[in-house]
C-alpha atoms as a PDB file:
ATOM      1  CA  MET A   1      26.908  48.042 178.757  1.00  0.00           C
ATOM      2  CA  THR A   2      30.373  46.540 178.427  1.00  0.00           C
ATOM      3  CA  LEU A   3      33.037  48.598 180.178  1.00  0.00           C
ATOM      4  CA  THR A   4      36.583  47.881 179.079  1.00  0.00           C
ATOM      5  CA  ARG A   5      39.480  49.692 180.754  1.00  0.00           C
ATOM      6  CA  ARG A   6      39.302  52.384 178.080  1.00  0.00           C
ATOM      7  CA  THR A   7      35.538  52.917 178.178  1.00  0.00           C
ATOM      8  CA  PHE A   8      35.567  52.979 181.977  1.00  0.00           C
ATOM      9  CA  ALA A   9      38.023  55.857 181.757  1.00  0.00           C
ATOM     10  CA  VAL A  10      36.306  57.880 179.026  1.00  0.00           C
ATOM     11  CA  ALA A  11      32.567  57.216 179.381  1.00  0.00           C
ATOM     12  CA  THR A  12      32.250  59.874 182.063  1.00  0.00           C
ATOM     13  CA  ALA A  13      30.452  62.812 180.548  1.00  0.00           C
ATOM     14  CA  SER A  14      28.113  63.102 183.522  1.00  0.00           C
ATOM     15  CA  LEU A  15      30.931  62.914 186.068  1.00  0.00           C
ATOM     16  CA  ALA A  16      33.720  64.988 184.578  1.00  0.00           C
ATOM     17  CA  ALA A  17      34.336  68.003 182.419  1.00  0.00           C
ATOM     18  CA  THR A  18      37.260  70.192 181.400  1.00  0.00           C
ATOM     19  CA  PRO A  19      37.472  72.760 182.826  1.00  0.00           C
ATOM     20  CA  LEU A  20      36.198  71.264 186.070  1.00  0.00           C
ATOM     21  CA  MET A  21      33.556  73.919 186.621  1.00  0.00           C
ATOM     22  CA  ALA A  22      31.294  73.793 183.562  1.00  0.00           C
ATOM     23  CA  ALA A  23      29.384  76.901 182.459  1.00  0.00           C
ATOM     24  CA  THR A  24      26.096  75.081 183.063  1.00  0.00           C
ATOM     25  CA  PRO A  25      25.753  73.614 186.567  1.00  0.00           C
ATOM     26  CA  ARG A  26      25.657  69.840 186.595  1.00  0.00           C
ATOM     27  CA  ARG A  27      23.860  67.483 188.913  1.00  0.00           C
ATOM     28  CA  PRO A  28      25.810  67.224 192.190  1.00  0.00           C
ATOM     29  CA  ILE A  29      27.597  63.919 192.616  1.00  0.00           C
ATOM     30  CA  VAL A  30      26.910  61.601 195.538  1.00  0.00           C
ATOM     31  CA  ILE A  31      30.098  60.239 197.084  1.00  0.00           C
ATOM     32  CA  ALA A  32      29.645  57.118 199.190  1.00  0.00           C
ATOM     33  CA  HIS A  33      31.846  57.830 202.210  1.00  0.00           C
ATOM     34  CA  ARG A  34      33.686  54.546 202.822  1.00  0.00           C
ATOM     35  CA  GLY A  35      30.773  52.965 200.958  1.00  0.00           C
ATOM     36  CA  ALA A  36      27.317  52.900 202.533  1.00  0.00           C
ATOM     37  CA  SER A  37      29.165  52.972 205.845  1.00  0.00           C
ATOM     38  CA  GLY A  38      26.121  53.875 207.879  1.00  0.00           C
ATOM     39  CA  GLU A  39      24.647  50.472 207.070  1.00  0.00           C
ATOM     40  CA  ARG A  40      27.584  48.128 206.470  1.00  0.00           C
ATOM     41  CA  PRO A  41      31.111  47.974 207.958  1.00  0.00           C
ATOM     42  CA  GLU A  42      33.137  50.678 206.274  1.00  0.00           C
ATOM     43  CA  HIS A  43      35.464  50.014 203.365  1.00  0.00           C
ATOM     44  CA  THR A  44      34.087  46.571 202.607  1.00  0.00           C
ATOM     45  CA  PRO A  45      32.783  45.177 199.308  1.00  0.00           C
ATOM     46  CA  ALA A  46      29.354  44.931 200.930  1.00  0.00           C
ATOM     47  CA  ALA A  47      29.388  48.646 201.792  1.00  0.00           C
ATOM     48  CA  TYR A  48      30.492  49.637 198.302  1.00  0.00           C
ATOM     49  CA  ARG A  49      27.939  47.464 196.510  1.00  0.00           C
ATOM     50  CA  LEU A  50      25.104  48.711 198.688  1.00  0.00           C
ATOM     51  CA  ALA A  51      26.163  52.288 197.933  1.00  0.00           C
ATOM     52  CA  VAL A  52      25.914  51.595 194.202  1.00  0.00           C
ATOM     53  CA  ASP A  53      22.467  50.060 194.677  1.00  0.00           C
ATOM     54  CA  GLN A  54      21.474  53.237 196.519  1.00  0.00           C
ATOM     55  CA  GLY A  55      22.484  55.497 193.641  1.00  0.00           C
ATOM     56  CA  CYS A  56      25.963  56.811 194.429  1.00  0.00           C
ATOM     57  CA  ASP A  57      28.239  58.164 191.701  1.00  0.00           C
ATOM     58  CA  PHE A  58      31.578  57.583 193.444  1.00  0.00           C
ATOM     59  CA  ILE A  59      32.818  55.176 196.090  1.00  0.00           C
ATOM     60  CA  GLU A  60      35.485  56.396 198.481  1.00  0.00           C
ATOM     61  CA  PRO A  61      38.448  54.212 199.487  1.00  0.00           C
ATOM     62  CA  ASP A  62      40.855  55.588 202.110  1.00  0.00           C
ATOM     63  CA  LEU A  63      44.358  54.358 201.316  1.00  0.00           C
ATOM     64  CA  VAL A  64      47.175  53.213 203.578  1.00  0.00           C
ATOM     65  CA  LEU A  65      50.153  50.941 202.845  1.00  0.00           C
ATOM     66  CA  THR A  66      51.224  47.497 203.938  1.00  0.00           C
ATOM     67  CA  LYS A  67      54.734  46.602 205.054  1.00  0.00           C
ATOM     68  CA  ASP A  68      55.387  45.279 201.559  1.00  0.00           C
ATOM     69  CA  GLY A  69      54.141  48.453 199.906  1.00  0.00           C
ATOM     70  CA  VAL A  70      50.643  47.468 198.742  1.00  0.00           C
ATOM     71  CA  LEU A  71      47.815  50.008 198.737  1.00  0.00           C
ATOM     72  CA  VAL A  72      45.037  48.749 201.001  1.00  0.00           C
ATOM     73  CA  VAL A  73      41.795  50.337 202.076  1.00  0.00           C
ATOM     74  CA  ARG A  74      41.367  51.405 205.711  1.00  0.00           C
ATOM     75  CA  HIS A  75      40.206  54.685 207.206  1.00  0.00           C
ATOM     76  CA  GLU A  76      43.346  54.814 209.356  1.00  0.00           C
ATOM     77  CA  ASN A  77      46.641  52.986 209.399  1.00  0.00           C
ATOM     78  CA  GLU A  78      45.691  51.884 212.949  1.00  0.00           C
ATOM     79  CA  ILE A  79      43.450  48.896 212.232  1.00  0.00           C
ATOM     80  CA  ALA A  80      42.126  47.662 215.600  1.00  0.00           C
ATOM     81  CA  GLY A  81      39.001  49.772 215.322  1.00  0.00           C
ATOM     82  CA  THR A  82      37.868  48.200 212.059  1.00  0.00           C
ATOM     83  CA  THR A  83      39.253  44.638 212.152  1.00  0.00           C
ATOM     84  CA  ASP A  84      39.511  41.686 214.524  1.00  0.00           C
ATOM     85  CA  VAL A  85      43.283  42.036 214.873  1.00  0.00           C
ATOM     86  CA  ALA A  86      43.080  42.557 218.654  1.00  0.00           C
ATOM     87  CA  SER A  87      41.573  39.076 219.071  1.00  0.00           C
ATOM     88  CA  ARG A  88      44.279  37.354 217.024  1.00  0.00           C
ATOM     89  CA  PRO A  89      46.905  35.861 219.388  1.00  0.00           C
ATOM     90  CA  GLU A  90      49.397  35.427 216.553  1.00  0.00           C
ATOM     91  CA  PHE A  91      49.561  39.220 216.205  1.00  0.00           C
ATOM     92  CA  ALA A  92      49.552  40.181 219.887  1.00  0.00           C
ATOM     93  CA  GLY A  93      53.217  41.132 219.654  1.00  0.00           C
ATOM     94  CA  ARG A  94      52.512  43.689 216.923  1.00  0.00           C
ATOM     95  CA  ARG A  95      50.673  45.998 219.308  1.00  0.00           C
ATOM     96  CA  THR A  96      52.707  49.168 219.645  1.00  0.00           C
ATOM     97  CA  SER A  97      52.568  52.928 220.141  1.00  0.00           C
ATOM     98  CA  LYS A  98      53.357  55.420 217.388  1.00  0.00           C
ATOM     99  CA  VAL A  99      53.223  59.143 216.826  1.00  0.00           C
ATOM    100  CA  VAL A 100      51.200  59.789 213.665  1.00  0.00           C
ATOM    101  CA  ASP A 101      50.781  63.396 212.545  1.00  0.00           C
ATOM    102  CA  GLY A 102      51.647  64.599 216.026  1.00  0.00           C
ATOM    103  CA  GLU A 103      49.214  62.291 217.840  1.00  0.00           C
ATOM    104  CA  THR A 104      50.316  59.347 219.985  1.00  0.00           C
ATOM    105  CA  ILE A 105      48.297  56.274 219.038  1.00  0.00           C
ATOM    106  CA  GLU A 106      48.449  52.777 220.486  1.00  0.00           C
ATOM    107  CA  GLY A 107      47.328  49.731 218.553  1.00  0.00           C
ATOM    108  CA  TRP A 108      48.103  47.710 215.441  1.00  0.00           C
ATOM    109  CA  PHE A 109      49.232  49.418 212.242  1.00  0.00           C
ATOM    110  CA  ALA A 110      48.810  48.352 208.630  1.00  0.00           C
ATOM    111  CA  GLU A 111      52.413  49.204 207.776  1.00  0.00           C
ATOM    112  CA  ASP A 112      53.614  46.545 210.228  1.00  0.00           C
ATOM    113  CA  PHE A 113      51.807  43.767 208.327  1.00  0.00           C
ATOM    114  CA  THR A 114      52.383  42.207 204.931  1.00  0.00           C
ATOM    115  CA  LEU A 115      49.430  41.985 202.603  1.00  0.00           C
ATOM    116  CA  SER A 116      49.125  38.240 203.140  1.00  0.00           C
ATOM    117  CA  GLU A 117      48.970  38.802 206.906  1.00  0.00           C
ATOM    118  CA  LEU A 118      46.354  41.531 206.611  1.00  0.00           C
ATOM    119  CA  LYS A 119      44.231  39.307 204.395  1.00  0.00           C
ATOM    120  CA  THR A 120      43.798  36.864 207.288  1.00  0.00           C
ATOM    121  CA  LEU A 121      41.948  39.535 209.296  1.00  0.00           C
ATOM    122  CA  ARG A 122      38.237  40.232 209.079  1.00  0.00           C
ATOM    123  CA  THR A 123      36.537  43.603 209.090  1.00  0.00           C
ATOM    124  CA  ARG A 124      34.062  44.922 211.652  1.00  0.00           C
ATOM    125  CA  GLU A 125      31.865  47.927 212.342  1.00  0.00           C
ATOM    126  CA  ARG A 126      33.779  50.853 213.836  1.00  0.00           C
ATOM    127  CA  LEU A 127      30.773  52.265 215.741  1.00  0.00           C
ATOM    128  CA  PRO A 128      28.862  49.175 216.917  1.00  0.00           C
ATOM    129  CA  ALA A 129      26.926  50.934 219.669  1.00  0.00           C
ATOM    130  CA  LEU A 130      25.678  53.547 217.214  1.00  0.00           C
ATOM    131  CA  ARG A 131      25.222  51.183 214.275  1.00  0.00           C
ATOM    132  CA  PRO A 132      24.304  47.723 215.609  1.00  0.00           C
ATOM    133  CA  ALA A 133      22.560  46.714 212.378  1.00  0.00           C
ATOM    134  CA  SER A 134      25.820  47.234 210.541  1.00  0.00           C
ATOM    135  CA  ALA A 135      27.730  45.321 213.217  1.00  0.00           C
ATOM    136  CA  ALA A 136      25.651  42.273 212.317  1.00  0.00           C
ATOM    137  CA  PHE A 137      27.862  42.037 209.219  1.00  0.00           C
ATOM    138  CA  ASP A 138      31.105  41.824 211.212  1.00  0.00           C
ATOM    139  CA  GLY A 139      33.554  39.144 210.143  1.00  0.00           C
ATOM    140  CA  ARG A 140      32.287  38.661 206.601  1.00  0.00           C
ATOM    141  CA  ASP A 141      34.899  40.546 204.596  1.00  0.00           C
ATOM    142  CA  ALA A 142      38.665  40.833 204.333  1.00  0.00           C
ATOM    143  CA  ILE A 143      40.518  44.128 203.942  1.00  0.00           C
ATOM    144  CA  PRO A 144      40.387  45.040 200.238  1.00  0.00           C
ATOM    145  CA  THR A 145      43.317  46.291 198.226  1.00  0.00           C
ATOM    146  CA  PHE A 146      42.915  49.447 196.171  1.00  0.00           C
ATOM    147  CA  GLN A 147      43.115  47.353 193.019  1.00  0.00           C
ATOM    148  CA  GLU A 148      40.224  45.242 194.261  1.00  0.00           C
ATOM    149  CA  VAL A 149      38.152  48.393 194.814  1.00  0.00           C
ATOM    150  CA  ILE A 150      38.937  49.617 191.295  1.00  0.00           C
ATOM    151  CA  ASP A 151      37.929  46.221 189.939  1.00  0.00           C
ATOM    152  CA  LEU A 152      34.736  46.370 191.997  1.00  0.00           C
ATOM    153  CA  ALA A 153      33.921  49.821 190.595  1.00  0.00           C
ATOM    154  CA  LYS A 154      34.371  48.515 187.053  1.00  0.00           C
ATOM    155  CA  ALA A 155      32.201  45.466 187.734  1.00  0.00           C
ATOM    156  CA  GLU A 156      29.534  47.570 189.431  1.00  0.00           C
ATOM    157  CA  SER A 157      29.587  50.032 186.523  1.00  0.00           C
ATOM    158  CA  GLN A 158      28.757  47.186 184.197  1.00  0.00           C
ATOM    159  CA  ARG A 159      26.091  45.800 186.515  1.00  0.00           C
ATOM    160  CA  ALA A 160      24.454  49.176 187.133  1.00  0.00           C
ATOM    161  CA  GLY A 161      24.735  50.417 183.562  1.00  0.00           C
ATOM    162  CA  ARG A 162      26.422  53.653 184.634  1.00  0.00           C
ATOM    163  CA  VAL A 163      29.968  54.703 185.474  1.00  0.00           C
ATOM    164  CA  ILE A 164      30.881  54.367 189.141  1.00  0.00           C
ATOM    165  CA  GLY A 165      33.926  56.463 189.970  1.00  0.00           C
ATOM    166  CA  VAL A 166      36.536  56.070 192.689  1.00  0.00           C
ATOM    167  CA  TYR A 167      37.516  58.850 195.091  1.00  0.00           C
ATOM    168  CA  PRO A 168      40.660  57.692 196.950  1.00  0.00           C
ATOM    169  CA  GLU A 169      42.117  59.556 199.899  1.00  0.00           C
ATOM    170  CA  MET A 170      45.830  59.460 200.673  1.00  0.00           C
ATOM    171  CA  LYS A 171      45.966  58.918 204.433  1.00  0.00           C
ATOM    172  CA  HIS A 172      48.919  60.203 206.467  1.00  0.00           C
ATOM    173  CA  PRO A 173      51.289  60.463 203.477  1.00  0.00           C
ATOM    174  CA  THR A 174      53.950  62.477 205.326  1.00  0.00           C
ATOM    175  CA  TYR A 175      54.006  59.975 208.175  1.00  0.00           C
ATOM    176  CA  LEU A 176      54.162  57.028 205.761  1.00  0.00           C
ATOM    177  CA  ALA A 177      57.072  58.660 203.932  1.00  0.00           C
ATOM    178  CA  SER A 178      58.879  58.989 207.266  1.00  0.00           C
ATOM    179  CA  VAL A 179      58.818  55.185 207.635  1.00  0.00           C
ATOM    180  CA  GLY A 180      59.985  54.606 204.065  1.00  0.00           C
ATOM    181  CA  LEU A 181      56.605  54.156 202.363  1.00  0.00           C
ATOM    182  CA  GLN A 182      55.754  56.625 199.597  1.00  0.00           C
ATOM    183  CA  ILE A 183      52.052  56.603 198.802  1.00  0.00           C
ATOM    184  CA  GLU A 184      51.985  59.176 195.976  1.00  0.00           C
ATOM    185  CA  PRO A 185      53.919  57.219 193.308  1.00  0.00           C
ATOM    186  CA  ARG A 186      52.119  53.987 194.148  1.00  0.00           C
ATOM    187  CA  LEU A 187      48.739  55.656 193.728  1.00  0.00           C
ATOM    188  CA  ALA A 188      49.811  57.330 190.494  1.00  0.00           C
ATOM    189  CA  ASP A 189      51.045  53.996 189.115  1.00  0.00           C
ATOM    190  CA  ALA A 190      47.774  52.298 190.073  1.00  0.00           C
ATOM    191  CA  LEU A 191      45.714  54.914 188.256  1.00  0.00           C
ATOM    192  CA  LYS A 192      47.900  54.676 185.167  1.00  0.00           C
ATOM    193  CA  ALA A 193      47.634  50.873 185.138  1.00  0.00           C
ATOM    194  CA  ASN A 194      43.848  51.142 185.188  1.00  0.00           C
ATOM    195  CA  GLY A 195      43.346  53.818 182.555  1.00  0.00           C
ATOM    196  CA  LEU A 196      42.504  56.481 185.136  1.00  0.00           C
ATOM    197  CA  ASN A 197      45.362  58.910 184.563  1.00  0.00           C
ATOM    198  CA  SER A 198      43.430  61.837 183.080  1.00  0.00           C
ATOM    199  CA  ARG A 199      41.330  64.810 184.082  1.00  0.00           C
ATOM    200  CA  THR A 200      38.261  63.211 182.525  1.00  0.00           C
ATOM    201  CA  ALA A 201      38.663  59.859 184.260  1.00  0.00           C
ATOM    202  CA  PRO A 202      36.071  59.033 186.958  1.00  0.00           C
ATOM    203  CA  VAL A 203      38.494  59.678 189.795  1.00  0.00           C
ATOM    204  CA  PHE A 204      39.339  62.377 192.324  1.00  0.00           C
ATOM    205  CA  VAL A 205      42.375  62.102 194.615  1.00  0.00           C
ATOM    206  CA  GLN A 206      41.920  63.768 197.990  1.00  0.00           C
ATOM    207  CA  CYS A 207      44.163  64.617 200.905  1.00  0.00           C
ATOM    208  CA  PHE A 208      44.294  66.814 204.004  1.00  0.00           C
ATOM    209  CA  GLU A 209      47.952  67.630 203.275  1.00  0.00           C
ATOM    210  CA  THR A 210      49.192  70.143 200.721  1.00  0.00           C
ATOM    211  CA  ALA A 211      52.676  68.868 199.852  1.00  0.00           C
ATOM    212  CA  PRO A 212      51.554  65.323 198.930  1.00  0.00           C
ATOM    213  CA  LEU A 213      48.919  66.739 196.568  1.00  0.00           C
ATOM    214  CA  LYS A 214      51.586  68.857 194.897  1.00  0.00           C
ATOM    215  CA  THR A 215      53.815  65.804 194.605  1.00  0.00           C
ATOM    216  CA  PHE A 216      50.968  63.757 193.179  1.00  0.00           C
ATOM    217  CA  ALA A 217      50.268  66.489 190.607  1.00  0.00           C
ATOM    218  CA  ARG A 218      53.728  65.912 189.145  1.00  0.00           C
ATOM    219  CA  LEU A 219      53.030  62.191 188.808  1.00  0.00           C
ATOM    220  CA  SER A 220      49.453  62.034 187.536  1.00  0.00           C
ATOM    221  CA  SER A 221      46.877  64.030 185.592  1.00  0.00           C
ATOM    222  CA  ALA A 222      44.021  62.836 187.820  1.00  0.00           C
ATOM    223  CA  ARG A 223      41.993  65.557 189.506  1.00  0.00           C
ATOM    224  CA  ARG A 224      42.912  66.555 193.060  1.00  0.00           C
ATOM    225  CA  VAL A 225      40.836  67.800 195.996  1.00  0.00           C
ATOM    226  CA  ARG A 226      42.181  69.510 199.108  1.00  0.00           C
ATOM    227  CA  LEU A 227      40.296  68.405 202.198  1.00  0.00           C
ATOM    228  CA  VAL A 228      39.668  71.025 204.884  1.00  0.00           C
ATOM    229  CA  GLY A 229      38.622  70.359 208.469  1.00  0.00           C
ATOM    230  CA  GLY A 230      36.191  72.492 210.388  1.00  0.00           C
ATOM    231  CA  ASP A 231      39.059  73.880 212.465  1.00  0.00           C
ATOM    232  CA  ALA A 232      40.991  75.143 209.431  1.00  0.00           C
ATOM    233  CA  ARG A 233      38.794  78.026 208.343  1.00  0.00           C
ATOM    234  CA  GLU A 234      41.791  80.020 207.138  1.00  0.00           C
ATOM    235  CA  LEU A 235      42.092  77.588 204.228  1.00  0.00           C
ATOM    236  CA  VAL A 236      38.677  78.572 202.861  1.00  0.00           C
ATOM    237  CA  THR A 237      39.148  82.333 203.066  1.00  0.00           C
ATOM    238  CA  ALA A 238      39.570  84.127 199.738  1.00  0.00           C
ATOM    239  CA  GLY A 239      43.348  83.892 200.082  1.00  0.00           C
ATOM    240  CA  GLY A 240      43.290  80.283 201.202  1.00  0.00           C
ATOM    241  CA  LEU A 241      41.106  79.177 198.302  1.00  0.00           C
ATOM    242  CA  LYS A 242      43.299  81.088 195.862  1.00  0.00           C
ATOM    243  CA  ASP A 243      46.279  79.090 197.099  1.00  0.00           C
ATOM    244  CA  ILE A 244      44.389  75.784 196.863  1.00  0.00           C
ATOM    245  CA  ALA A 245      43.519  76.603 193.251  1.00  0.00           C
ATOM    246  CA  THR A 246      47.230  76.541 192.397  1.00  0.00           C
ATOM    247  CA  TYR A 247      47.549  72.817 193.106  1.00  0.00           C
ATOM    248  CA  ALA A 248      44.042  71.320 193.287  1.00  0.00           C
ATOM    249  CA  ASP A 249      40.881  71.126 191.230  1.00  0.00           C
ATOM    250  CA  GLY A 250      38.483  71.175 194.132  1.00  0.00           C
ATOM    251  CA  VAL A 251      38.045  71.692 197.838  1.00  0.00           C
ATOM    252  CA  GLY A 252      36.466  69.222 200.262  1.00  0.00           C
ATOM    253  CA  PRO A 253      35.369  71.193 203.338  1.00  0.00           C
ATOM    254  CA  ASP A 254      33.672  69.980 206.485  1.00  0.00           C
ATOM    255  CA  TRP A 255      30.012  70.653 205.641  1.00  0.00           C
ATOM    256  CA  SER A 256      29.747  73.118 208.520  1.00  0.00           C
ATOM    257  CA  LEU A 257      32.057  75.438 206.581  1.00  0.00           C
ATOM    258  CA  VAL A 258      29.340  75.680 203.913  1.00  0.00           C
ATOM    259  CA  ILE A 259      26.260  75.575 206.151  1.00  0.00           C
ATOM    260  CA  PRO A 260      27.142  76.749 209.673  1.00  0.00           C
ATOM    261  CA  THR A 261      25.193  75.857 212.780  1.00  0.00           C
ATOM    262  CA  VAL A 262      24.098  78.723 215.032  1.00  0.00           C
ATOM    263  CA  ASP A 263      22.248  78.130 218.302  1.00  0.00           C
ATOM    264  CA  GLY A 264      21.690  74.489 217.365  1.00  0.00           C
ATOM    265  CA  ALA A 265      20.109  75.270 213.991  1.00  0.00           C
ATOM    266  CA  LEU A 266      21.248  75.497 210.399  1.00  0.00           C
ATOM    267  CA  ALA A 267      22.262  79.035 209.415  1.00  0.00           C
ATOM    268  CA  PRO A 268      22.429  80.614 205.948  1.00  0.00           C
ATOM    269  CA  ALA A 269      25.191  79.414 203.653  1.00  0.00           C
ATOM    270  CA  THR A 270      28.600  81.032 203.744  1.00  0.00           C
ATOM    271  CA  THR A 271      30.233  82.414 200.613  1.00  0.00           C
ATOM    272  CA  LEU A 272      32.548  79.400 200.339  1.00  0.00           C
ATOM    273  CA  VAL A 273      30.843  77.843 197.313  1.00  0.00           C
ATOM    274  CA  ALA A 274      30.679  81.085 195.364  1.00  0.00           C
ATOM    275  CA  ASP A 275      34.258  81.976 196.267  1.00  0.00           C
ATOM    276  CA  ALA A 276      35.516  78.542 195.210  1.00  0.00           C
ATOM    277  CA  HIS A 277      33.551  78.533 191.974  1.00  0.00           C
ATOM    278  CA  ALA A 278      34.978  81.933 191.073  1.00  0.00           C
ATOM    279  CA  LEU A 279      38.408  80.280 191.140  1.00  0.00           C
ATOM    280  CA  GLY A 280      37.306  77.225 189.142  1.00  0.00           C
ATOM    281  CA  LEU A 281      37.266  74.950 192.172  1.00  0.00           C
ATOM    282  CA  ALA A 282      34.612  72.293 192.702  1.00  0.00           C
ATOM    283  CA  VAL A 283      33.169  71.973 196.215  1.00  0.00           C
ATOM    284  CA  HIS A 284      32.529  68.507 197.727  1.00  0.00           C
ATOM    285  CA  PRO A 285      31.663  68.870 201.453  1.00  0.00           C
ATOM    286  CA  TRP A 286      31.912  66.006 203.945  1.00  0.00           C
ATOM    287  CA  THR A 287      30.468  64.071 205.766  1.00  0.00           C
ATOM    288  CA  VAL A 288      26.692  64.118 206.123  1.00  0.00           C
ATOM    289  CA  ARG A 289      25.456  61.471 208.557  1.00  0.00           C
ATOM    290  CA  ALA A 290      21.875  60.680 209.491  1.00  0.00           C
ATOM    291  CA  GLU A 291      22.147  59.875 213.194  1.00  0.00           C
ATOM    292  CA  ASN A 292      21.122  62.398 215.845  1.00  0.00           C
ATOM    293  CA  ARG A 293      24.644  62.265 217.233  1.00  0.00           C
ATOM    294  CA  PHE A 294      25.967  64.068 214.150  1.00  0.00           C
ATOM    295  CA  LEU A 295      23.158  66.588 213.646  1.00  0.00           C
ATOM    296  CA  PRO A 296      22.506  70.018 215.161  1.00  0.00           C
ATOM    297  CA  GLU A 297      20.055  70.039 218.051  1.00  0.00           C
ATOM    298  CA  THR A 298      17.049  71.343 216.152  1.00  0.00           C
ATOM    299  CA  LEU A 299      17.301  68.488 213.644  1.00  0.00           C
ATOM    300  CA  ARG A 300      17.467  65.730 216.225  1.00  0.00           C
ATOM    301  CA  ARG A 301      14.458  63.461 216.597  1.00  0.00           C
ATOM    302  CA  GLY A 302      14.075  62.142 220.153  1.00  0.00           C
ATOM    303  CA  THR A 303      16.907  61.476 222.590  1.00  0.00           C
ATOM    304  CA  ASP A 304      18.418  58.310 221.091  1.00  0.00           C
ATOM    305  CA  LEU A 305      21.696  59.398 219.522  1.00  0.00           C
ATOM    306  CA  ALA A 306      21.596  56.400 217.164  1.00  0.00           C
ATOM    307  CA  ALA A 307      18.165  57.320 215.790  1.00  0.00           C
ATOM    308  CA  HIS A 308      17.953  59.179 212.501  1.00  0.00           C
ATOM    309  CA  GLY A 309      17.108  62.865 212.629  1.00  0.00           C
ATOM    310  CA  GLY A 310      16.150  65.472 210.073  1.00  0.00           C
ATOM    311  CA  VAL A 311      19.201  64.973 207.876  1.00  0.00           C
ATOM    312  CA  ALA A 312      17.224  65.815 204.741  1.00  0.00           C
ATOM    313  CA  ALA A 313      17.447  69.463 205.772  1.00  0.00           C
ATOM    314  CA  VAL A 314      21.255  69.303 205.693  1.00  0.00           C
ATOM    315  CA  PHE A 315      21.279  67.801 202.210  1.00  0.00           C
ATOM    316  CA  ALA A 316      18.731  70.351 201.007  1.00  0.00           C
ATOM    317  CA  ALA A 317      20.765  73.260 202.371  1.00  0.00           C
ATOM    318  CA  LEU A 318      23.988  72.011 200.783  1.00  0.00           C
ATOM    319  CA  TYR A 319      22.371  71.428 197.402  1.00  0.00           C
ATOM    320  CA  ALA A 320      20.709  74.845 197.553  1.00  0.00           C
ATOM    321  CA  ALA A 321      24.129  76.376 198.280  1.00  0.00           C
ATOM    322  CA  GLY A 322      25.341  75.038 194.925  1.00  0.00           C
ATOM    323  CA  VAL A 323      27.803  72.358 196.005  1.00  0.00           C
ATOM    324  CA  ASP A 324      29.128  70.064 193.290  1.00  0.00           C
ATOM    325  CA  GLY A 325      28.934  66.902 195.360  1.00  0.00           C
ATOM    326  CA  VAL A 326      28.351  65.564 198.861  1.00  0.00           C
ATOM    327  CA  PHE A 327      30.052  62.875 200.934  1.00  0.00           C
ATOM    328  CA  SER A 328      27.678  60.772 203.008  1.00  0.00           C
ATOM    329  CA  ASP A 329      27.666  57.569 205.050  1.00  0.00           C
ATOM    330  CA  PHE A 330      24.102  57.219 203.732  1.00  0.00           C
ATOM    331  CA  PRO A 331      24.379  57.677 199.949  1.00  0.00           C
ATOM    332  CA  GLY A 332      20.800  56.546 199.460  1.00  0.00           C
ATOM    333  CA  LEU A 333      19.545  59.485 201.499  1.00  0.00           C
ATOM    334  CA  ALA A 334      21.883  61.855 199.639  1.00  0.00           C
ATOM    335  CA  ALA A 335      20.598  60.590 196.290  1.00  0.00           C
ATOM    336  CA  LYS A 336      16.962  60.851 197.419  1.00  0.00           C
ATOM    337  CA  ALA A 337      17.426  64.424 198.623  1.00  0.00           C
ATOM    338  CA  ARG A 338      19.117  65.348 195.359  1.00  0.00           C
ATOM    339  CA  GLY A 339      16.010  64.190 193.483  1.00  0.00           C
END
C-alpha cells in the first residue's frame, strides 16, 4: 500500500465520516496516549512504533513550542521530567520558575530553547519507579518535532498497511500566547502542508481550553475535541455538552466521567455518551492505564502499585457504554479488549 500525501489524507473510511456520528456505530478507535507510553518513554519514535505494532488507530503527540517557534512533542512545556536536561551543565542557567495556567512550576521550559538546542537532549521515562522496564530505554531518542511524528505516521501507515492517524493536543496555548508564541496558526499550517486540513483527514485536534479551539476552527477544517478533566463535571452536563457542540466535534472526558467509581468499584455508566451522541459529538475518554496505581481498589491485583490489575474491566465497561474511542498508555490492551 503506497500512501502519498493525498491518499494518507483521504484513505480514512474506517477512521472518519461526515457527519462525525454515523448512523451505524463504527468500531471504537484506539488512541495511543503518547504512544505505547506504558512500555516505552512517552512521545518517542519507539513508543509510537510499538503502539502501531500493538494495533492502535491514532498516535497522540502533545505539542509545545520552541523559542524559535517550532512545534515539538512533549507532554508539558517543562521538560526536566522527560529529558536529561537537568544533567546538562551547559543548560544549568536555563533553570527558572514560571507561572503556567495559574500554577508555579520550576524547571526547564521548551520555549526557552531553540530547536537545535532541544535536539541535543535525550528522552527518558517520566515514571521510572512505576515503569522500570520502560526506563531501560532512556537516552535512546531525541525530542521529535510534530513534522517528524506526521512523517512517522505516514511511514507506519505504509508499513502496517492501514492508515495511522495523528491526534495532537495543543498544550497551554493561552500561556504560550502570553509569551509571544501562537500555537494555533502553526498547527493549522502544519496540517495544511501535510494534506490533513479536512474533516475526513485522519486527525483530531484536542485541547483543554475553549478559546484556542474556537480560534483553531477559524484556521483549519480538521476535527476538534474538547478535553474535560474529572473535576469539570459541569462541562459534560446537558448544557455544557450543548455548548461544546458549537465549537467542537467531540468530547474527551476523563474516563471516570463515563464510568464512575463507587466504593472502590466500577459503577454503571453515566448518560454522558448518550447525551453527547444526541448532539452529534463523538466521545473519546482518557486515559486508561493498566497499573494498580491507576485502577479502583476492586480491580487491583496484589499490593504492588506497579503491577497490572484488572484493567480489562475498564475497557469492557467503556466499550459497552458506546464510546467512540479510548486513550490508553497500553494500546495493545485496548485493542485486545475491543476484539
